[in-house]
PDB file of N, CA and C in Angstrom:
ATOM      1  N   GLN A   1       0.835  -1.177   0.000  1.00  0.00           N
ATOM      2  CA  GLN A   1       0.000   0.000   0.000  1.00  0.00           C
ATOM      3  C   GLN A   1       0.883   1.244   0.000  1.00  0.00           C
ATOM      4  N   VAL A   2       0.450   2.260  -0.748  1.00  0.00           N
ATOM      5  CA  VAL A   2       1.188   3.503  -0.881  1.00  0.00           C
ATOM      6  C   VAL A   2       0.460   4.598  -0.119  1.00  0.00           C
ATOM      7  N   GLN A   3       1.209   5.369   0.642  1.00  0.00           N
ATOM      8  CA  GLN A   3       0.672   6.525   1.330  1.00  0.00           C
ATOM      9  C   GLN A   3       1.381   7.778   0.841  1.00  0.00           C
ATOM     10  N   LEU A   4       0.601   8.810   0.518  1.00  0.00           N
ATOM     11  CA  LEU A   4       1.129  10.067   0.024  1.00  0.00           C
ATOM     12  C   LEU A   4       0.779  11.178   1.000  1.00  0.00           C
ATOM     13  N   VAL A   5       1.753  12.016   1.318  1.00  0.00           N
ATOM     14  CA  VAL A   5       1.555  13.118   2.246  1.00  0.00           C
ATOM     15  C   VAL A   5       2.077  14.392   1.612  1.00  0.00           C
ATOM     16  N   GLU A   6       1.179  15.363   1.393  1.00  0.00           N
ATOM     17  CA  GLU A   6       1.560  16.647   0.821  1.00  0.00           C
ATOM     18  C   GLU A   6       1.930  17.633   1.924  1.00  0.00           C
ATOM     19  N   SER A   7       2.782  18.582   1.572  1.00  0.00           N
ATOM     20  CA  SER A   7       3.127  19.664   2.473  1.00  0.00           C
ATOM     21  C   SER A   7       3.580  20.863   1.649  1.00  0.00           C
ATOM     22  N   GLY A   8       3.630  22.025   2.283  1.00  0.00           N
ATOM     23  CA  GLY A   8       4.135  23.215   1.630  1.00  0.00           C
ATOM     24  C   GLY A   8       3.095  24.245   1.245  1.00  0.00           C
ATOM     25  N   GLY A   9       1.832  23.951   1.449  1.00  0.00           N
ATOM     26  CA  GLY A   9       0.797  24.917   1.133  1.00  0.00           C
ATOM     27  C   GLY A   9       0.806  26.077   2.107  1.00  0.00           C
ATOM     28  N   GLY A  10       0.104  27.140   1.728  1.00  0.00           N
ATOM     29  CA  GLY A  10       0.043  28.294   2.589  1.00  0.00           C
ATOM     30  C   GLY A  10      -0.693  29.449   1.956  1.00  0.00           C
ATOM     31  N   LEU A  11      -0.606  30.589   2.615  1.00  0.00           N
ATOM     32  CA  LEU A  11      -1.239  31.818   2.163  1.00  0.00           C
ATOM     33  C   LEU A  11      -0.167  32.760   1.631  1.00  0.00           C
ATOM     34  N   VAL A  12      -0.304  33.166   0.373  1.00  0.00           N
ATOM     35  CA  VAL A  12       0.663  34.061  -0.260  1.00  0.00           C
ATOM     36  C   VAL A  12      -0.070  35.128  -1.051  1.00  0.00           C
ATOM     37  N   GLN A  13       0.684  36.110  -1.505  1.00  0.00           N
ATOM     38  CA  GLN A  13       0.144  37.153  -2.360  1.00  0.00           C
ATOM     39  C   GLN A  13       0.433  36.848  -3.828  1.00  0.00           C
ATOM     40  N   ALA A  14      -0.351  37.439  -4.699  1.00  0.00           N
ATOM     41  CA  ALA A  14      -0.134  37.267  -6.130  1.00  0.00           C
ATOM     42  C   ALA A  14       1.299  37.636  -6.497  1.00  0.00           C
ATOM     43  N   GLY A  15       1.914  36.806  -7.324  1.00  0.00           N
ATOM     44  CA  GLY A  15       3.290  36.999  -7.727  1.00  0.00           C
ATOM     45  C   GLY A  15       4.295  36.242  -6.889  1.00  0.00           C
ATOM     46  N   ASP A  16       3.876  35.731  -5.742  1.00  0.00           N
ATOM     47  CA  ASP A  16       4.769  34.967  -4.873  1.00  0.00           C
ATOM     48  C   ASP A  16       4.928  33.541  -5.380  1.00  0.00           C
ATOM     49  N   SER A  17       5.752  32.789  -4.676  1.00  0.00           N
ATOM     50  CA  SER A  17       6.029  31.406  -5.034  1.00  0.00           C
ATOM     51  C   SER A  17       5.779  30.482  -3.863  1.00  0.00           C
ATOM     52  N   LEU A  18       5.465  29.249  -4.182  1.00  0.00           N
ATOM     53  CA  LEU A  18       5.332  28.179  -3.208  1.00  0.00           C
ATOM     54  C   LEU A  18       5.974  26.923  -3.780  1.00  0.00           C
ATOM     55  N   ARG A  19       6.475  26.096  -2.897  1.00  0.00           N
ATOM     56  CA  ARG A  19       6.998  24.800  -3.296  1.00  0.00           C
ATOM     57  C   ARG A  19       6.295  23.714  -2.496  1.00  0.00           C
ATOM     58  N   LEU A  20       5.557  22.877  -3.195  1.00  0.00           N
ATOM     59  CA  LEU A  20       4.859  21.777  -2.572  1.00  0.00           C
ATOM     60  C   LEU A  20       5.703  20.517  -2.627  1.00  0.00           C
ATOM     61  N   SER A  21       5.575  19.699  -1.604  1.00  0.00           N
ATOM     62  CA  SER A  21       6.260  18.421  -1.556  1.00  0.00           C
ATOM     63  C   SER A  21       5.245  17.312  -1.357  1.00  0.00           C
ATOM     64  N   CYS A  22       5.550  16.159  -1.898  1.00  0.00           N
ATOM     65  CA  CYS A  22       4.721  14.980  -1.722  1.00  0.00           C
ATOM     66  C   CYS A  22       5.645  13.816  -1.412  1.00  0.00           C
ATOM     67  N   ALA A  23       5.549  13.319  -0.198  1.00  0.00           N
ATOM     68  CA  ALA A  23       6.366  12.196   0.236  1.00  0.00           C
ATOM     69  C   ALA A  23       5.564  10.911   0.120  1.00  0.00           C
ATOM     70  N   ALA A  24       6.152   9.905  -0.492  1.00  0.00           N
ATOM     71  CA  ALA A  24       5.483   8.637  -0.733  1.00  0.00           C
ATOM     72  C   ALA A  24       6.143   7.523   0.053  1.00  0.00           C
ATOM     73  N   SER A  25       5.318   6.646   0.573  1.00  0.00           N
ATOM     74  CA  SER A  25       5.826   5.450   1.218  1.00  0.00           C
ATOM     75  C   SER A  25       6.116   4.386   0.170  1.00  0.00           C
ATOM     76  N   GLY A  26       6.783   3.337   0.581  1.00  0.00           N
ATOM     77  CA  GLY A  26       7.088   2.256  -0.329  1.00  0.00           C
ATOM     78  C   GLY A  26       8.480   2.360  -0.924  1.00  0.00           C
ATOM     79  N   ARG A  27       8.914   1.271  -1.494  1.00  0.00           N
ATOM     80  CA  ARG A  27      10.255   1.198  -2.062  1.00  0.00           C
ATOM     81  C   ARG A  27      10.269   1.127  -3.579  1.00  0.00           C
ATOM     82  N   THR A  28       9.104   1.323  -4.209  1.00  0.00           N
ATOM     83  CA  THR A  28       8.998   1.296  -5.661  1.00  0.00           C
ATOM     84  C   THR A  28       8.611   2.647  -6.232  1.00  0.00           C
ATOM     85  N   PHE A  29       8.921   3.715  -5.517  1.00  0.00           N
ATOM     86  CA  PHE A  29       8.555   5.058  -5.925  1.00  0.00           C
ATOM     87  C   PHE A  29       9.068   5.396  -7.316  1.00  0.00           C
ATOM     88  N   SER A  30      10.240   4.927  -7.653  1.00  0.00           N
ATOM     89  CA  SER A  30      10.855   5.289  -8.926  1.00  0.00           C
ATOM     90  C   SER A  30      10.053   4.822 -10.129  1.00  0.00           C
ATOM     91  N   SER A  31       9.179   3.845  -9.963  1.00  0.00           N
ATOM     92  CA  SER A  31       8.387   3.322 -11.069  1.00  0.00           C
ATOM     93  C   SER A  31       7.018   3.981 -11.194  1.00  0.00           C
ATOM     94  N   TYR A  32       6.664   4.875 -10.288  1.00  0.00           N
ATOM     95  CA  TYR A  32       5.346   5.502 -10.296  1.00  0.00           C
ATOM     96  C   TYR A  32       5.319   6.718 -11.213  1.00  0.00           C
ATOM     97  N   ILE A  33       4.195   6.907 -11.883  1.00  0.00           N
ATOM     98  CA  ILE A  33       3.866   8.218 -12.428  1.00  0.00           C
ATOM     99  C   ILE A  33       3.264   9.033 -11.290  1.00  0.00           C
ATOM    100  N   MET A  34       3.795  10.214 -11.075  1.00  0.00           N
ATOM    101  CA  MET A  34       3.316  11.089 -10.015  1.00  0.00           C
ATOM    102  C   MET A  34       2.641  12.304 -10.621  1.00  0.00           C
ATOM    103  N   GLY A  35       1.498  12.656 -10.074  1.00  0.00           N
ATOM    104  CA  GLY A  35       0.749  13.785 -10.595  1.00  0.00           C
ATOM    105  C   GLY A  35       0.275  14.717  -9.500  1.00  0.00           C
ATOM    106  N   TRP A  36      -0.015  15.936  -9.908  1.00  0.00           N
ATOM    107  CA  TRP A  36      -0.639  16.927  -9.044  1.00  0.00           C
ATOM    108  C   TRP A  36      -1.967  17.348  -9.653  1.00  0.00           C
ATOM    109  N   PHE A  37      -2.998  17.360  -8.837  1.00  0.00           N
ATOM    110  CA  PHE A  37      -4.304  17.862  -9.195  1.00  0.00           C
ATOM    111  C   PHE A  37      -4.672  18.977  -8.231  1.00  0.00           C
ATOM    112  N   ARG A  38      -5.668  19.769  -8.604  1.00  0.00           N
ATOM    113  CA  ARG A  38      -6.128  20.810  -7.703  1.00  0.00           C
ATOM    114  C   ARG A  38      -7.632  20.985  -7.844  1.00  0.00           C
ATOM    115  N   GLN A  39      -8.239  21.461  -6.773  1.00  0.00           N
ATOM    116  CA  GLN A  39      -9.664  21.722  -6.757  1.00  0.00           C
ATOM    117  C   GLN A  39      -9.901  23.092  -6.141  1.00  0.00           C
ATOM    118  N   ALA A  40     -10.366  24.017  -6.973  1.00  0.00           N
ATOM    119  CA  ALA A  40     -10.680  25.358  -6.530  1.00  0.00           C
ATOM    120  C   ALA A  40     -12.097  25.405  -5.974  1.00  0.00           C
ATOM    121  N   PRO A  41     -12.398  26.404  -5.154  1.00  0.00           N
ATOM    122  CA  PRO A  41     -13.751  26.517  -4.605  1.00  0.00           C
ATOM    123  C   PRO A  41     -14.806  26.569  -5.705  1.00  0.00           C
ATOM    124  N   GLY A  42     -15.808  25.725  -5.594  1.00  0.00           N
ATOM    125  CA  GLY A  42     -16.893  25.706  -6.556  1.00  0.00           C
ATOM    126  C   GLY A  42     -16.579  25.044  -7.877  1.00  0.00           C
ATOM    127  N   LYS A  43     -15.403  24.441  -8.019  1.00  0.00           N
ATOM    128  CA  LYS A  43     -15.013  23.818  -9.273  1.00  0.00           C
ATOM    129  C   LYS A  43     -14.658  22.351  -9.060  1.00  0.00           C
ATOM    130  N   GLU A  44     -14.648  21.608 -10.154  1.00  0.00           N
ATOM    131  CA  GLU A  44     -14.242  20.216 -10.113  1.00  0.00           C
ATOM    132  C   GLU A  44     -12.727  20.115 -10.024  1.00  0.00           C
ATOM    133  N   ARG A  45     -12.258  18.994  -9.510  1.00  0.00           N
ATOM    134  CA  ARG A  45     -10.827  18.780  -9.439  1.00  0.00           C
ATOM    135  C   ARG A  45     -10.248  18.656 -10.848  1.00  0.00           C
ATOM    136  N   GLU A  46      -9.110  19.290 -11.077  1.00  0.00           N
ATOM    137  CA  GLU A  46      -8.517  19.320 -12.395  1.00  0.00           C
ATOM    138  C   GLU A  46      -7.052  18.911 -12.354  1.00  0.00           C
ATOM    139  N   PHE A  47      -6.586  18.417 -13.477  1.00  0.00           N
ATOM    140  CA  PHE A  47      -5.203  18.020 -13.642  1.00  0.00           C
ATOM    141  C   PHE A  47      -4.307  19.241 -13.696  1.00  0.00           C
ATOM    142  N   VAL A  48      -3.153  19.159 -13.043  1.00  0.00           N
ATOM    143  CA  VAL A  48      -2.171  20.230 -13.072  1.00  0.00           C
ATOM    144  C   VAL A  48      -0.923  19.804 -13.835  1.00  0.00           C
ATOM    145  N   VAL A  49      -0.300  18.712 -13.395  1.00  0.00           N
ATOM    146  CA  VAL A  49       0.946  18.256 -14.000  1.00  0.00           C
ATOM    147  C   VAL A  49       1.217  16.828 -13.566  1.00  0.00           C
ATOM    148  N   ALA A  50       1.979  16.106 -14.379  1.00  0.00           N
ATOM    149  CA  ALA A  50       2.413  14.761 -14.029  1.00  0.00           C
ATOM    150  C   ALA A  50       3.833  14.544 -14.518  1.00  0.00           C
ATOM    151  N   ILE A  51       4.518  13.614 -13.883  1.00  0.00           N
ATOM    152  CA  ILE A  51       5.880  13.274 -14.268  1.00  0.00           C
ATOM    153  C   ILE A  51       6.039  11.766 -14.229  1.00  0.00           C
ATOM    154  N   SER A  52       6.671  11.226 -15.247  1.00  0.00           N
ATOM    155  CA  SER A  52       6.909   9.793 -15.322  1.00  0.00           C
ATOM    156  C   SER A  52       8.212   9.436 -14.630  1.00  0.00           C
ATOM    157  N   TRP A  53       8.431   8.134 -14.468  1.00  0.00           N
ATOM    158  CA  TRP A  53       9.662   7.694 -13.827  1.00  0.00           C
ATOM    159  C   TRP A  53      10.869   7.878 -14.734  1.00  0.00           C
ATOM    160  N   THR A  54      10.627   8.101 -16.037  1.00  0.00           N
ATOM    161  CA  THR A  54      11.705   8.376 -16.969  1.00  0.00           C
ATOM    162  C   THR A  54      12.000   9.865 -17.099  1.00  0.00           C
ATOM    163  N   GLY A  55      11.204  10.708 -16.447  1.00  0.00           N
ATOM    164  CA  GLY A  55      11.434  12.137 -16.474  1.00  0.00           C
ATOM    165  C   GLY A  55      10.542  12.926 -17.403  1.00  0.00           C
ATOM    166  N   GLY A  56       9.686  12.260 -18.164  1.00  0.00           N
ATOM    167  CA  GLY A  56       8.757  12.971 -19.018  1.00  0.00           C
ATOM    168  C   GLY A  56       7.717  13.711 -18.206  1.00  0.00           C
ATOM    169  N   THR A  57       7.256  14.842 -18.712  1.00  0.00           N
ATOM    170  CA  THR A  57       6.289  15.664 -17.995  1.00  0.00           C
ATOM    171  C   THR A  57       5.146  16.075 -18.902  1.00  0.00           C
ATOM    172  N   ARG A  58       4.018  16.396 -18.279  1.00  0.00           N
ATOM    173  CA  ARG A  58       2.858  16.921 -18.976  1.00  0.00           C
ATOM    174  C   ARG A  58       2.201  17.956 -18.082  1.00  0.00           C
ATOM    175  N   TYR A  59       2.034  19.166 -18.587  1.00  0.00           N
ATOM    176  CA  TYR A  59       1.489  20.272 -17.827  1.00  0.00           C
ATOM    177  C   TYR A  59       0.159  20.725 -18.397  1.00  0.00           C
ATOM    178  N   ALA A  60      -0.732  21.153 -17.514  1.00  0.00           N
ATOM    179  CA  ALA A  60      -1.914  21.869 -17.952  1.00  0.00           C
ATOM    180  C   ALA A  60      -1.482  23.199 -18.555  1.00  0.00           C
ATOM    181  N   ASN A  61      -2.202  23.644 -19.575  1.00  0.00           N
ATOM    182  CA  ASN A  61      -1.823  24.878 -20.255  1.00  0.00           C
ATOM    183  C   ASN A  61      -1.813  26.086 -19.317  1.00  0.00           C
ATOM    184  N   SER A  62      -2.647  26.067 -18.310  1.00  0.00           N
ATOM    185  CA  SER A  62      -2.760  27.201 -17.414  1.00  0.00           C
ATOM    186  C   SER A  62      -1.545  27.388 -16.509  1.00  0.00           C
ATOM    187  N   VAL A  63      -0.694  26.360 -16.396  1.00  0.00           N
ATOM    188  CA  VAL A  63       0.424  26.435 -15.458  1.00  0.00           C
ATOM    189  C   VAL A  63       1.771  26.152 -16.094  1.00  0.00           C
ATOM    190  N   LYS A  64       1.822  25.749 -17.340  1.00  0.00           N
ATOM    191  CA  LYS A  64       3.053  25.226 -17.923  1.00  0.00           C
ATOM    192  C   LYS A  64       4.183  26.253 -17.989  1.00  0.00           C
ATOM    193  N   ASP A  65       3.871  27.520 -17.967  1.00  0.00           N
ATOM    194  CA  ASP A  65       4.891  28.557 -18.009  1.00  0.00           C
ATOM    195  C   ASP A  65       5.271  29.072 -16.623  1.00  0.00           C
ATOM    196  N   ARG A  66       4.654  28.524 -15.583  1.00  0.00           N
ATOM    197  CA  ARG A  66       4.888  29.016 -14.226  1.00  0.00           C
ATOM    198  C   ARG A  66       5.237  27.928 -13.223  1.00  0.00           C
ATOM    199  N   PHE A  67       4.756  26.710 -13.447  1.00  0.00           N
ATOM    200  CA  PHE A  67       4.964  25.614 -12.504  1.00  0.00           C
ATOM    201  C   PHE A  67       5.997  24.641 -13.048  1.00  0.00           C
ATOM    202  N   THR A  68       6.730  23.997 -12.149  1.00  0.00           N
ATOM    203  CA  THR A  68       7.707  22.998 -12.525  1.00  0.00           C
ATOM    204  C   THR A  68       7.611  21.807 -11.580  1.00  0.00           C
ATOM    205  N   ILE A  69       7.476  20.628 -12.149  1.00  0.00           N
ATOM    206  CA  ILE A  69       7.446  19.411 -11.350  1.00  0.00           C
ATOM    207  C   ILE A  69       8.811  18.737 -11.417  1.00  0.00           C
ATOM    208  N   SER A  70       9.209  18.131 -10.322  1.00  0.00           N
ATOM    209  CA  SER A  70      10.449  17.380 -10.271  1.00  0.00           C
ATOM    210  C   SER A  70      10.295  16.247  -9.268  1.00  0.00           C
ATOM    211  N   ARG A  71      11.215  15.305  -9.315  1.00  0.00           N
ATOM    212  CA  ARG A  71      11.140  14.188  -8.378  1.00  0.00           C
ATOM    213  C   ARG A  71      12.533  13.777  -7.944  1.00  0.00           C
ATOM    214  N   ASP A  72      12.609  13.289  -6.731  1.00  0.00           N
ATOM    215  CA  ASP A  72      13.836  12.759  -6.163  1.00  0.00           C
ATOM    216  C   ASP A  72      13.516  11.339  -5.736  1.00  0.00           C
ATOM    217  N   ASN A  73      13.852  10.394  -6.577  1.00  0.00           N
ATOM    218  CA  ASN A  73      13.492   9.008  -6.306  1.00  0.00           C
ATOM    219  C   ASN A  73      14.194   8.462  -5.064  1.00  0.00           C
ATOM    220  N   ALA A  74      15.389   8.940  -4.787  1.00  0.00           N
ATOM    221  CA  ALA A  74      16.106   8.488  -3.603  1.00  0.00           C
ATOM    222  C   ALA A  74      15.383   8.878  -2.323  1.00  0.00           C
ATOM    223  N   LYS A  75      14.658   9.992  -2.352  1.00  0.00           N
ATOM    224  CA  LYS A  75      13.914  10.469  -1.189  1.00  0.00           C
ATOM    225  C   LYS A  75      12.437  10.126  -1.256  1.00  0.00           C
ATOM    226  N   ASN A  76      12.010   9.420  -2.295  1.00  0.00           N
ATOM    227  CA  ASN A  76      10.593   9.087  -2.482  1.00  0.00           C
ATOM    228  C   ASN A  76       9.713  10.334  -2.416  1.00  0.00           C
ATOM    229  N   THR A  77      10.150  11.385  -3.076  1.00  0.00           N
ATOM    230  CA  THR A  77       9.473  12.668  -2.979  1.00  0.00           C
ATOM    231  C   THR A  77       9.341  13.314  -4.354  1.00  0.00           C
ATOM    232  N   VAL A  78       8.185  13.923  -4.587  1.00  0.00           N
ATOM    233  CA  VAL A  78       7.958  14.714  -5.778  1.00  0.00           C
ATOM    234  C   VAL A  78       7.657  16.141  -5.344  1.00  0.00           C
ATOM    235  N   TYR A  79       8.080  17.112  -6.151  1.00  0.00           N
ATOM    236  CA  TYR A  79       7.941  18.513  -5.815  1.00  0.00           C
ATOM    237  C   TYR A  79       7.160  19.248  -6.894  1.00  0.00           C
ATOM    238  N   LEU A  80       6.504  20.310  -6.478  1.00  0.00           N
ATOM    239  CA  LEU A  80       5.847  21.207  -7.411  1.00  0.00           C
ATOM    240  C   LEU A  80       6.253  22.628  -7.054  1.00  0.00           C
ATOM    241  N   GLN A  81       7.106  23.214  -7.887  1.00  0.00           N
ATOM    242  CA  GLN A  81       7.511  24.595  -7.722  1.00  0.00           C
ATOM    243  C   GLN A  81       6.525  25.479  -8.457  1.00  0.00           C
ATOM    244  N   MET A  82       5.872  26.369  -7.733  1.00  0.00           N
ATOM    245  CA  MET A  82       4.849  27.235  -8.296  1.00  0.00           C
ATOM    246  C   MET A  82       5.325  28.673  -8.196  1.00  0.00           C
ATOM    247  N   ASN A  83       5.554  29.297  -9.342  1.00  0.00           N
ATOM    248  CA  ASN A  83       6.024  30.673  -9.404  1.00  0.00           C
ATOM    249  C   ASN A  83       4.948  31.582  -9.975  1.00  0.00           C
ATOM    250  N   ASN A  84       5.082  32.870  -9.682  1.00  0.00           N
ATOM    251  CA  ASN A  84       4.142  33.873 -10.187  1.00  0.00           C
ATOM    252  C   ASN A  84       2.697  33.443  -9.954  1.00  0.00           C
ATOM    253  N   LEU A  85       2.393  33.121  -8.734  1.00  0.00           N
ATOM    254  CA  LEU A  85       1.065  32.633  -8.401  1.00  0.00           C
ATOM    255  C   LEU A  85       0.008  33.699  -8.620  1.00  0.00           C
ATOM    256  N   LYS A  86      -1.163  33.238  -9.029  1.00  0.00           N
ATOM    257  CA  LYS A  86      -2.295  34.101  -9.302  1.00  0.00           C
ATOM    258  C   LYS A  86      -3.462  33.714  -8.406  1.00  0.00           C
ATOM    259  N   PRO A  87      -4.387  34.629  -8.168  1.00  0.00           N
ATOM    260  CA  PRO A  87      -5.547  34.272  -7.346  1.00  0.00           C
ATOM    261  C   PRO A  87      -6.292  33.051  -7.860  1.00  0.00           C
ATOM    262  N   GLU A  88      -6.332  32.848  -9.167  1.00  0.00           N
ATOM    263  CA  GLU A  88      -7.016  31.695  -9.719  1.00  0.00           C
ATOM    264  C   GLU A  88      -6.298  30.380  -9.445  1.00  0.00           C
ATOM    265  N   ASP A  89      -5.084  30.438  -8.897  1.00  0.00           N
ATOM    266  CA  ASP A  89      -4.378  29.232  -8.473  1.00  0.00           C
ATOM    267  C   ASP A  89      -4.832  28.762  -7.097  1.00  0.00           C
ATOM    268  N   THR A  90      -5.641  29.543  -6.425  1.00  0.00           N
ATOM    269  CA  THR A  90      -6.139  29.158  -5.111  1.00  0.00           C
ATOM    270  C   THR A  90      -6.917  27.853  -5.210  1.00  0.00           C
ATOM    271  N   ALA A  91      -6.492  26.868  -4.445  1.00  0.00           N
ATOM    272  CA  ALA A  91      -7.118  25.549  -4.515  1.00  0.00           C
ATOM    273  C   ALA A  91      -6.496  24.646  -3.466  1.00  0.00           C
ATOM    274  N   VAL A  92      -7.138  23.520  -3.264  1.00  0.00           N
ATOM    275  CA  VAL A  92      -6.518  22.423  -2.547  1.00  0.00           C
ATOM    276  C   VAL A  92      -5.748  21.600  -3.560  1.00  0.00           C
ATOM    277  N   TYR A  93      -4.475  21.394  -3.311  1.00  0.00           N
ATOM    278  CA  TYR A  93      -3.612  20.664  -4.224  1.00  0.00           C
ATOM    279  C   TYR A  93      -3.406  19.245  -3.713  1.00  0.00           C
ATOM    280  N   TYR A  94      -3.625  18.282  -4.594  1.00  0.00           N
ATOM    281  CA  TYR A  94      -3.535  16.875  -4.257  1.00  0.00           C
ATOM    282  C   TYR A  94      -2.401  16.203  -5.020  1.00  0.00           C
ATOM    283  N   CYS A  95      -1.644  15.419  -4.320  1.00  0.00           N
ATOM    284  CA  CYS A  95      -0.641  14.558  -4.923  1.00  0.00           C
ATOM    285  C   CYS A  95      -1.267  13.204  -5.213  1.00  0.00           C
ATOM    286  N   ALA A  96      -0.926  12.618  -6.348  1.00  0.00           N
ATOM    287  CA  ALA A  96      -1.493  11.335  -6.736  1.00  0.00           C
ATOM    288  C   ALA A  96      -0.436  10.475  -7.407  1.00  0.00           C
ATOM    289  N   ALA A  97      -0.612   9.167  -7.299  1.00  0.00           N
ATOM    290  CA  ALA A  97       0.324   8.217  -7.874  1.00  0.00           C
ATOM    291  C   ALA A  97      -0.398   7.223  -8.768  1.00  0.00           C
ATOM    292  N   ASP A  98       0.186   6.960  -9.915  1.00  0.00           N
ATOM    293  CA  ASP A  98      -0.254   5.907 -10.826  1.00  0.00           C
ATOM    294  C   ASP A  98       0.786   4.802 -10.742  1.00  0.00           C
ATOM    295  N   THR A  99       0.424   3.710 -10.113  1.00  0.00           N
ATOM    296  CA  THR A  99       1.362   2.619  -9.874  1.00  0.00           C
ATOM    297  C   THR A  99       1.208   1.480 -10.866  1.00  0.00           C
ATOM    298  N   SER A 100       0.480   1.695 -11.942  1.00  0.00           N
ATOM    299  CA  SER A 100       0.184   0.627 -12.895  1.00  0.00           C
ATOM    300  C   SER A 100       1.378   0.224 -13.745  1.00  0.00           C
ATOM    301  N   GLY A 101       2.360   1.076 -13.855  1.00  0.00           N
ATOM    302  CA  GLY A 101       3.493   0.822 -14.722  1.00  0.00           C
ATOM    303  C   GLY A 101       3.345   1.368 -16.128  1.00  0.00           C
ATOM    304  N   ARG A 102       2.227   2.024 -16.432  1.00  0.00           N
ATOM    305  CA  ARG A 102       2.052   2.610 -17.756  1.00  0.00           C
ATOM    306  C   ARG A 102       3.045   3.740 -17.969  1.00  0.00           C
ATOM    307  N   THR A 103       3.313   4.044 -19.214  1.00  0.00           N
ATOM    308  CA  THR A 103       4.235   5.122 -19.553  1.00  0.00           C
ATOM    309  C   THR A 103       3.525   6.376 -20.033  1.00  0.00           C
ATOM    310  N   LEU A 104       2.257   6.260 -20.419  1.00  0.00           N
ATOM    311  CA  LEU A 104       1.486   7.402 -20.883  1.00  0.00           C
ATOM    312  C   LEU A 104       1.036   8.239 -19.700  1.00  0.00           C
ATOM    313  N   LEU A 105       1.250   9.535 -19.773  1.00  0.00           N
ATOM    314  CA  LEU A 105       0.822  10.454 -18.728  1.00  0.00           C
ATOM    315  C   LEU A 105      -0.632  10.832 -18.980  1.00  0.00           C
ATOM    316  N   VAL A 106      -1.517  10.295 -18.154  1.00  0.00           N
ATOM    317  CA  VAL A 106      -2.951  10.449 -18.318  1.00  0.00           C
ATOM    318  C   VAL A 106      -3.463  11.504 -17.362  1.00  0.00           C
ATOM    319  N   VAL A 107      -4.383  12.337 -17.841  1.00  0.00           N
ATOM    320  CA  VAL A 107      -4.873  13.453 -17.038  1.00  0.00           C
ATOM    321  C   VAL A 107      -6.119  13.112 -16.243  1.00  0.00           C
ATOM    322  N   ARG A 108      -6.746  11.970 -16.505  1.00  0.00           N
ATOM    323  CA  ARG A 108      -7.984  11.614 -15.822  1.00  0.00           C
ATOM    324  C   ARG A 108      -7.699  11.078 -14.427  1.00  0.00           C
ATOM    325  N   GLU A 109      -8.551  11.485 -13.482  1.00  0.00           N
ATOM    326  CA  GLU A 109      -8.348  11.116 -12.085  1.00  0.00           C
ATOM    327  C   GLU A 109      -8.369   9.610 -11.853  1.00  0.00           C
ATOM    328  N   TYR A 110      -9.226   8.899 -12.573  1.00  0.00           N
ATOM    329  CA  TYR A 110      -9.420   7.486 -12.286  1.00  0.00           C
ATOM    330  C   TYR A 110      -8.177   6.649 -12.539  1.00  0.00           C
ATOM    331  N   VAL A 111      -7.239   7.167 -13.307  1.00  0.00           N
ATOM    332  CA  VAL A 111      -6.006   6.442 -13.590  1.00  0.00           C
ATOM    333  C   VAL A 111      -5.122   6.353 -12.347  1.00  0.00           C
ATOM    334  N   TYR A 112      -5.219   7.331 -11.477  1.00  0.00           N
ATOM    335  CA  TYR A 112      -4.360   7.401 -10.301  1.00  0.00           C
ATOM    336  C   TYR A 112      -4.999   6.643  -9.142  1.00  0.00           C
ATOM    337  N   ASP A 113      -4.269   5.706  -8.588  1.00  0.00           N
ATOM    338  CA  ASP A 113      -4.844   4.799  -7.600  1.00  0.00           C
ATOM    339  C   ASP A 113      -4.500   5.132  -6.155  1.00  0.00           C
ATOM    340  N   TYR A 114      -3.630   6.105  -5.927  1.00  0.00           N
ATOM    341  CA  TYR A 114      -3.320   6.558  -4.575  1.00  0.00           C
ATOM    342  C   TYR A 114      -3.324   8.070  -4.541  1.00  0.00           C
ATOM    343  N   TRP A 115      -3.878   8.612  -3.460  1.00  0.00           N
ATOM    344  CA  TRP A 115      -4.053  10.051  -3.321  1.00  0.00           C
ATOM    345  C   TRP A 115      -3.653  10.518  -1.933  1.00  0.00           C
ATOM    346  N   GLY A 116      -3.067  11.712  -1.879  1.00  0.00           N
ATOM    347  CA  GLY A 116      -2.837  12.363  -0.612  1.00  0.00           C
ATOM    348  C   GLY A 116      -4.095  13.075  -0.136  1.00  0.00           C
ATOM    349  N   GLN A 117      -4.022  13.668   1.038  1.00  0.00           N
ATOM    350  CA  GLN A 117      -5.170  14.347   1.628  1.00  0.00           C
ATOM    351  C   GLN A 117      -5.323  15.787   1.156  1.00  0.00           C
ATOM    352  N   GLY A 118      -4.323  16.325   0.494  1.00  0.00           N
ATOM    353  CA  GLY A 118      -4.403  17.663  -0.047  1.00  0.00           C
ATOM    354  C   GLY A 118      -3.770  18.702   0.856  1.00  0.00           C
ATOM    355  N   THR A 119      -3.312  19.786   0.244  1.00  0.00           N
ATOM    356  CA  THR A 119      -2.768  20.921   0.970  1.00  0.00           C
ATOM    357  C   THR A 119      -3.336  22.199   0.373  1.00  0.00           C
ATOM    358  N   GLN A 120      -3.742  23.121   1.233  1.00  0.00           N
ATOM    359  CA  GLN A 120      -4.435  24.326   0.794  1.00  0.00           C
ATOM    360  C   GLN A 120      -3.446  25.404   0.380  1.00  0.00           C
ATOM    361  N   ASP A 121      -3.621  25.911  -0.831  1.00  0.00           N
ATOM    362  CA  ASP A 121      -2.883  27.070  -1.315  1.00  0.00           C
ATOM    363  C   ASP A 121      -3.866  28.203  -1.545  1.00  0.00           C
ATOM    364  N   THR A 122      -3.609  29.339  -0.926  1.00  0.00           N
ATOM    365  CA  THR A 122      -4.462  30.498  -1.072  1.00  0.00           C
ATOM    366  C   THR A 122      -3.624  31.675  -1.556  1.00  0.00           C
ATOM    367  N   VAL A 123      -4.025  32.269  -2.675  1.00  0.00           N
ATOM    368  CA  VAL A 123      -3.299  33.372  -3.284  1.00  0.00           C
ATOM    369  C   VAL A 123      -4.196  34.597  -3.262  1.00  0.00           C
ATOM    370  N   SER A 124      -3.784  35.615  -2.539  1.00  0.00           N
ATOM    371  CA  SER A 124      -4.555  36.841  -2.440  1.00  0.00           C
ATOM    372  C   SER A 124      -4.088  37.844  -3.490  1.00  0.00           C
ATOM    373  N   SER A 125      -4.998  38.701  -3.922  1.00  0.00           N
ATOM    374  CA  SER A 125      -4.676  39.707  -4.918  1.00  0.00           C
ATOM    375  C   SER A 125      -4.219  40.997  -4.266  1.00  0.00           C
TER     376      SER A 125
END
């Protein structure tokens, strides 16, 4: 069983930066596709970014010029560096893992079989 724990959320002003971390249990972290999703108030949860174990990435168009995902397999941790934050980035951010072994980075939630509890990011204008 895989457990994911997010951290790094907080309250910031527009233009600031945040770095989220997601620590995963288990010894097979290097084979997981890791993704970040977010859910803003009144909206459905949406895909943000994912990274494969080979280093490939896929970003939502709304964040691809501002956010960067990375992973440290030795530490079983994935990171999301968020720069130039905007009020519309306000959301609960969820870390998710796809442990199926697939290589395609899929944006649909059902593909990811493990989820963290989420961390709140609030961006004021």
